[in-house]
């Protein structure tokens, strides 16, 4: 595979991931008549001591950070695979192995 083609494919995957996290988050932190109706039903429900809910502003922030983390993990995985592929495709890994063997004869140092 041509390295430029791989770069183009990875950039398209990165842009697609950015588009996925670009969805509007207004539905979660939206205020208005629907929000007040939800608050009244939430107050009427009995609360247990183990229940924990984030405030709406922190929930929006947590969801956004989770999406960013997920995209970074996916992009990082593809980036790592691309670097490993380039090391193998350009035979740089074998050259590094030969260089390390020339530097030291002890296997545990190599």
Protein backbone atom coordinates (compact mmCIF):
# COMPACT_ATOMS: atom_id res chain seq x y z
CA UNK A 1 0.00 0.00 0.00
CA UNK A 2 1.26 3.43 -0.91
CA UNK A 3 2.16 5.55 2.17
CA UNK A 4 0.31 8.54 0.72
CA UNK A 5 -2.82 6.43 0.27
CA UNK A 6 -2.54 5.27 3.87
CA UNK A 7 -2.18 8.88 5.01
CA UNK A 8 -5.26 9.88 3.01
CA UNK A 9 -7.31 7.00 4.45
CA UNK A 10 -6.24 7.79 8.01
CA UNK A 11 -7.04 11.49 7.56
CA UNK A 12 -10.51 10.59 6.28
CA UNK A 13 -11.05 8.32 9.28
CA UNK A 14 -9.93 11.12 11.58
CA UNK A 15 -12.32 13.60 9.98
CA UNK A 16 -15.18 11.09 10.22
CA UNK A 17 -14.45 10.66 13.92
CA UNK A 18 -14.48 14.43 14.40
CA UNK A 19 -17.85 14.62 12.68
CA UNK A 20 -19.20 11.95 15.01
CA UNK A 21 -18.32 13.94 18.12
CA UNK A 22 -19.62 17.17 16.58
CA UNK A 23 -23.25 16.25 17.29
CA UNK A 24 -25.16 18.95 19.19
CA UNK A 25 -25.30 18.46 22.92
CA UNK A 26 -28.15 20.94 23.56
CA UNK A 27 -30.68 18.18 24.22
CA UNK A 28 -28.88 17.14 27.39
CA UNK A 29 -28.46 20.55 28.99
CA UNK A 30 -31.56 22.15 27.50
CA UNK A 31 -33.63 24.35 29.79
CA UNK A 32 -37.25 25.21 29.26
CA UNK A 33 -40.74 23.85 29.85
CA UNK A 34 -39.69 20.23 29.27
CA UNK A 35 -36.90 20.58 31.80
CA UNK A 36 -39.24 21.90 34.51
CA UNK A 37 -41.62 18.98 33.91
CA UNK A 38 -38.75 16.55 34.29
CA UNK A 39 -37.65 18.22 37.53
CA UNK A 40 -41.14 17.96 39.03
CA UNK A 41 -41.34 14.24 38.23
CA UNK A 42 -37.80 13.69 39.50
CA UNK A 43 -38.63 15.41 42.79
CA UNK A 44 -41.76 13.31 43.25
CA UNK A 45 -39.85 10.03 42.89
CA UNK A 46 -38.41 8.63 46.12
CA UNK A 47 -34.66 8.90 46.35
CA UNK A 48 -32.43 6.11 47.53
CA UNK A 49 -29.15 6.72 49.24
CA UNK A 50 -27.22 4.96 46.49
CA UNK A 51 -28.63 7.01 43.62
CA UNK A 52 -26.27 9.63 42.25
CA UNK A 53 -27.02 12.02 39.41
CA UNK A 54 -24.76 14.67 38.00
CA UNK A 55 -26.01 18.22 37.68
CA UNK A 56 -26.94 19.02 34.04
CA UNK A 57 -23.89 21.21 33.37
CA UNK A 58 -21.48 18.59 34.69
CA UNK A 59 -23.33 15.85 32.79
CA UNK A 60 -22.87 17.72 29.51
CA UNK A 61 -19.19 18.19 30.30
CA UNK A 62 -18.76 14.52 31.24
CA UNK A 63 -20.45 13.29 28.06
CA UNK A 64 -18.34 15.64 25.92
CA UNK A 65 -15.11 14.57 27.61
CA UNK A 66 -16.07 10.92 27.19
CA UNK A 67 -16.60 11.43 23.44
CA UNK A 68 -13.26 13.21 23.14
CA UNK A 69 -11.54 10.39 25.03
CA UNK A 70 -13.14 7.78 22.79
CA UNK A 71 -12.09 9.56 19.61
CA UNK A 72 -8.54 9.98 20.90
CA UNK A 73 -8.35 6.26 21.70
CA UNK A 74 -9.57 5.32 18.22
CA UNK A 75 -7.26 7.79 16.47
CA UNK A 76 -4.34 6.70 18.70
CA UNK A 77 -4.92 3.08 17.78
CA UNK A 78 -4.93 3.85 14.06
CA UNK A 79 -1.88 6.10 14.46
CA UNK A 80 0.03 3.34 16.24
CA UNK A 81 -0.90 0.82 13.56
CA UNK A 82 0.16 3.28 10.84
CA UNK A 83 3.56 3.86 12.47
CA UNK A 84 4.14 0.12 12.87
CA UNK A 85 3.10 -0.45 9.26
CA UNK A 86 5.51 2.26 8.07
CA UNK A 87 8.35 0.70 10.09
CA UNK A 88 7.70 -2.63 8.40
CA UNK A 89 7.01 -1.25 4.90
CA UNK A 90 10.17 0.88 4.80
CA UNK A 91 12.25 -1.91 6.39
CA UNK A 92 13.33 0.54 9.07
CA UNK A 93 12.62 -2.07 11.75
CA UNK A 94 15.16 -4.49 10.31
CA UNK A 95 17.74 -1.69 9.98
CA UNK A 96 17.18 -0.73 13.62
CA UNK A 97 17.54 -4.38 14.62
CA UNK A 98 20.83 -4.67 12.72
CA UNK A 99 22.09 -1.43 14.28
CA UNK A 100 21.24 -2.59 17.81
CA UNK A 101 23.01 -5.91 17.22
CA UNK A 102 26.08 -3.99 16.10
CA UNK A 103 26.02 -1.76 19.18
CA UNK A 104 25.96 -4.55 21.76
CA UNK A 105 26.53 -8.28 21.65
CA UNK A 106 24.46 -8.87 24.82
CA UNK A 107 20.89 -9.88 23.98
CA UNK A 108 19.40 -8.38 27.17
CA UNK A 109 20.82 -4.95 26.26
CA UNK A 110 19.50 -5.21 22.72
